[in-house]
């Protein structure tokens, strides 16, 4: 994730949820995932350590870190 301007990436996304544990953004403009190069559906930024995520569907995940926070790019199957 060193090659990615994270602030620029997030500016292209739509904030959907923010709480003490996570921030969740929706990718409404088909931005490519920095890990795999495919458009991702959502970006989840884990703000607490540890953080638990309840997944309601099966997803492919790409994971990285930014400023010591885990970031998860979801891909719906």
N, C-alpha and C. Protein backbone atom coordinates (compact mmCIF):
# COMPACT_ATOMS: atom_id res chain seq x y z
N UNK A 1 0.81 -1.19 0.00
CA UNK A 1 0.00 0.00 0.00
C UNK A 1 0.86 1.26 0.00
N UNK A 2 2.20 1.09 -0.01
CA UNK A 2 3.07 2.27 -0.01
C UNK A 2 2.90 3.11 -1.27
N UNK A 3 2.56 2.47 -2.38
CA UNK A 3 2.44 3.17 -3.66
C UNK A 3 1.10 3.87 -3.83
N UNK A 4 0.18 3.69 -2.88
CA UNK A 4 -1.18 4.19 -3.01
C UNK A 4 -1.34 5.46 -2.18
N UNK A 5 -1.92 6.51 -2.79
CA UNK A 5 -2.29 7.71 -2.05
C UNK A 5 -3.64 7.42 -1.40
N UNK A 6 -3.61 6.99 -0.13
CA UNK A 6 -4.81 6.53 0.54
C UNK A 6 -5.85 7.64 0.66
N UNK A 7 -5.43 8.87 0.94
CA UNK A 7 -6.38 9.98 1.06
C UNK A 7 -7.10 10.22 -0.27
N UNK A 8 -6.37 10.12 -1.36
CA UNK A 8 -6.98 10.28 -2.69
C UNK A 8 -7.96 9.14 -2.98
N UNK A 9 -7.57 7.93 -2.61
CA UNK A 9 -8.44 6.76 -2.79
C UNK A 9 -9.74 6.96 -2.04
N UNK A 10 -9.67 7.30 -0.77
CA UNK A 10 -10.86 7.47 0.07
C UNK A 10 -11.73 8.61 -0.45
N UNK A 11 -11.12 9.66 -0.99
CA UNK A 11 -11.89 10.79 -1.52
C UNK A 11 -12.77 10.37 -2.69
N UNK A 12 -12.44 9.27 -3.35
CA UNK A 12 -13.23 8.79 -4.48
C UNK A 12 -14.40 7.90 -4.04
N UNK A 13 -14.47 7.56 -2.76
CA UNK A 13 -15.46 6.62 -2.25
C UNK A 13 -16.56 7.34 -1.47
N UNK A 14 -17.65 6.62 -1.20
CA UNK A 14 -18.79 7.17 -0.46
C UNK A 14 -18.80 6.57 0.94
N UNK A 15 -18.71 7.43 1.96
CA UNK A 15 -18.75 6.98 3.35
C UNK A 15 -20.13 6.41 3.65
N UNK A 16 -20.18 5.18 4.17
CA UNK A 16 -21.45 4.51 4.49
C UNK A 16 -21.66 4.34 5.99
N UNK A 17 -20.60 4.14 6.74
CA UNK A 17 -20.73 3.91 8.18
C UNK A 17 -19.46 4.35 8.87
N UNK A 18 -19.63 4.97 10.03
CA UNK A 18 -18.48 5.32 10.85
C UNK A 18 -18.87 5.15 12.31
N UNK A 19 -18.09 4.36 13.01
CA UNK A 19 -18.28 4.21 14.45
C UNK A 19 -16.90 4.05 15.09
N UNK A 20 -16.87 3.74 16.36
CA UNK A 20 -15.60 3.65 17.08
C UNK A 20 -14.70 2.55 16.52
N UNK A 21 -15.28 1.48 16.00
CA UNK A 21 -14.51 0.33 15.54
C UNK A 21 -14.07 0.40 14.09
N UNK A 22 -14.99 0.85 13.20
CA UNK A 22 -14.70 0.81 11.77
C UNK A 22 -15.25 2.03 11.04
N UNK A 23 -14.66 2.29 9.88
CA UNK A 23 -15.23 3.18 8.88
C UNK A 23 -15.45 2.32 7.65
N UNK A 24 -16.60 2.49 7.02
CA UNK A 24 -16.93 1.69 5.84
C UNK A 24 -17.28 2.63 4.69
N UNK A 25 -16.65 2.37 3.54
CA UNK A 25 -16.87 3.17 2.34
C UNK A 25 -17.35 2.28 1.21
N UNK A 26 -18.25 2.81 0.37
CA UNK A 26 -18.71 2.08 -0.81
C UNK A 26 -18.01 2.63 -2.04
N UNK A 27 -17.59 1.73 -2.91
CA UNK A 27 -16.91 2.09 -4.14
C UNK A 27 -17.97 2.22 -5.24
N UNK A 28 -18.46 3.42 -5.45
CA UNK A 28 -19.53 3.65 -6.43
C UNK A 28 -19.00 4.03 -7.80
N UNK A 29 -17.68 4.16 -7.94
CA UNK A 29 -17.10 4.59 -9.23
C UNK A 29 -16.11 3.58 -9.78
N UNK A 30 -16.13 2.35 -9.29
CA UNK A 30 -15.30 1.24 -9.80
C UNK A 30 -13.80 1.51 -9.72
N UNK A 31 -13.35 2.06 -8.59
CA UNK A 31 -11.92 2.24 -8.34
C UNK A 31 -11.27 0.85 -8.23
N UNK A 32 -10.09 0.69 -8.78
CA UNK A 32 -9.38 -0.59 -8.74
C UNK A 32 -8.80 -0.84 -7.35
N UNK A 33 -8.84 -2.07 -6.93
CA UNK A 33 -8.24 -2.50 -5.66
C UNK A 33 -6.72 -2.43 -5.78
N UNK A 34 -6.03 -1.80 -4.82
CA UNK A 34 -4.58 -1.71 -4.89
C UNK A 34 -3.88 -3.08 -4.81
N UNK A 35 -4.54 -4.08 -4.24
CA UNK A 35 -3.92 -5.40 -4.09
C UNK A 35 -4.05 -6.26 -5.33
N UNK A 36 -5.26 -6.32 -5.91
CA UNK A 36 -5.48 -7.25 -7.03
C UNK A 36 -5.77 -6.57 -8.36
N UNK A 37 -6.04 -5.27 -8.35
CA UNK A 37 -6.28 -4.54 -9.59
C UNK A 37 -7.71 -4.58 -10.09
N UNK A 38 -8.57 -5.38 -9.46
CA UNK A 38 -9.98 -5.47 -9.85
C UNK A 38 -10.79 -4.43 -9.05
N UNK A 39 -11.88 -3.90 -9.61
CA UNK A 39 -12.74 -3.01 -8.82
C UNK A 39 -13.23 -3.72 -7.56
N UNK A 40 -13.24 -3.02 -6.45
CA UNK A 40 -13.72 -3.59 -5.20
C UNK A 40 -15.09 -2.99 -4.88
N UNK A 41 -15.82 -3.63 -3.96
CA UNK A 41 -17.15 -3.15 -3.60
C UNK A 41 -17.12 -2.18 -2.43
N UNK A 42 -16.43 -2.57 -1.37
CA UNK A 42 -16.38 -1.74 -0.17
C UNK A 42 -14.97 -1.72 0.40
N UNK A 43 -14.67 -0.66 1.12
CA UNK A 43 -13.42 -0.53 1.86
C UNK A 43 -13.79 -0.40 3.33
N UNK A 44 -13.19 -1.23 4.17
CA UNK A 44 -13.41 -1.17 5.61
C UNK A 44 -12.08 -0.82 6.26
N UNK A 45 -12.08 0.24 7.06
CA UNK A 45 -10.89 0.66 7.80
C UNK A 45 -11.14 0.31 9.26
N UNK A 46 -10.30 -0.57 9.81
CA UNK A 46 -10.43 -0.99 11.21
C UNK A 46 -9.73 0.04 12.09
N UNK A 47 -10.50 0.69 12.97
CA UNK A 47 -9.96 1.76 13.80
C UNK A 47 -9.58 1.30 15.19
N UNK A 48 -10.05 0.12 15.61
CA UNK A 48 -9.70 -0.44 16.91
C UNK A 48 -8.97 -1.75 16.71
N UNK A 49 -8.13 -2.09 17.68
CA UNK A 49 -7.42 -3.35 17.64
C UNK A 49 -7.69 -4.08 18.95
N UNK A 50 -8.34 -5.20 18.93
CA UNK A 50 -8.86 -5.93 17.79
C UNK A 50 -10.24 -5.41 17.39
N UNK A 51 -10.66 -5.76 16.19
CA UNK A 51 -11.98 -5.41 15.67
C UNK A 51 -12.62 -6.67 15.11
N UNK A 52 -13.90 -6.85 15.38
CA UNK A 52 -14.65 -7.98 14.86
C UNK A 52 -15.59 -7.50 13.77
N UNK A 53 -15.66 -8.25 12.68
CA UNK A 53 -16.56 -7.91 11.58
C UNK A 53 -17.59 -9.03 11.43
N UNK A 54 -18.85 -8.65 11.32
CA UNK A 54 -19.91 -9.62 11.05
C UNK A 54 -20.23 -9.56 9.56
N UNK A 55 -19.90 -10.62 8.85
CA UNK A 55 -20.13 -10.67 7.41
C UNK A 55 -21.48 -11.32 7.14
N UNK A 56 -22.30 -10.66 6.33
CA UNK A 56 -23.62 -11.19 6.01
C UNK A 56 -23.62 -12.00 4.72
N UNK A 57 -22.51 -11.97 3.99
CA UNK A 57 -22.40 -12.73 2.75
C UNK A 57 -20.96 -13.18 2.56
N UNK A 58 -20.77 -14.14 1.68
CA UNK A 58 -19.43 -14.62 1.39
C UNK A 58 -18.73 -13.60 0.48
N UNK A 59 -17.52 -13.21 0.86
CA UNK A 59 -16.76 -12.20 0.14
C UNK A 59 -15.33 -12.65 -0.08
N UNK A 60 -14.73 -12.19 -1.17
CA UNK A 60 -13.29 -12.28 -1.31
C UNK A 60 -12.72 -11.01 -0.68
N UNK A 61 -11.60 -11.13 0.01
CA UNK A 61 -11.02 -9.99 0.71
C UNK A 61 -9.58 -9.76 0.27
N UNK A 62 -9.21 -8.50 0.11
CA UNK A 62 -7.82 -8.08 -0.05
C UNK A 62 -7.53 -7.20 1.16
N UNK A 63 -6.35 -7.35 1.76
CA UNK A 63 -6.05 -6.68 3.03
C UNK A 63 -4.73 -5.93 2.93
N UNK A 64 -4.67 -4.78 3.57
CA UNK A 64 -3.44 -4.01 3.66
C UNK A 64 -3.44 -3.22 4.96
N UNK A 65 -2.45 -2.35 5.12
CA UNK A 65 -2.41 -1.47 6.28
C UNK A 65 -2.08 -0.06 5.84
N UNK A 66 -2.63 0.89 6.58
CA UNK A 66 -2.34 2.31 6.38
C UNK A 66 -2.24 2.92 7.76
N UNK A 67 -1.13 3.56 8.05
CA UNK A 67 -0.93 4.19 9.37
C UNK A 67 -1.25 3.21 10.50
N UNK A 68 -0.76 1.98 10.40
CA UNK A 68 -0.95 0.93 11.40
C UNK A 68 -2.41 0.52 11.61
N UNK A 69 -3.29 0.84 10.65
CA UNK A 69 -4.67 0.39 10.70
C UNK A 69 -4.90 -0.60 9.56
N UNK A 70 -5.62 -1.68 9.85
CA UNK A 70 -5.95 -2.66 8.82
C UNK A 70 -7.00 -2.05 7.89
N UNK A 71 -6.81 -2.25 6.59
CA UNK A 71 -7.81 -1.85 5.60
C UNK A 71 -8.18 -3.08 4.80
N UNK A 72 -9.47 -3.27 4.59
CA UNK A 72 -9.98 -4.47 3.93
C UNK A 72 -10.79 -4.03 2.71
N UNK A 73 -10.42 -4.56 1.55
CA UNK A 73 -11.15 -4.31 0.32
C UNK A 73 -12.01 -5.54 0.05
N UNK A 74 -13.34 -5.37 -0.03
CA UNK A 74 -14.23 -6.51 -0.23
C UNK A 74 -14.59 -6.64 -1.70
N UNK A 75 -14.74 -7.88 -2.12
CA UNK A 75 -15.16 -8.22 -3.48
C UNK A 75 -16.30 -9.22 -3.36
N UNK A 76 -17.50 -8.82 -3.76
CA UNK A 76 -18.65 -9.73 -3.71
C UNK A 76 -18.46 -10.82 -4.75
N UNK A 77 -18.85 -12.02 -4.38
CA UNK A 77 -18.68 -13.16 -5.30
C UNK A 77 -19.89 -13.30 -6.19
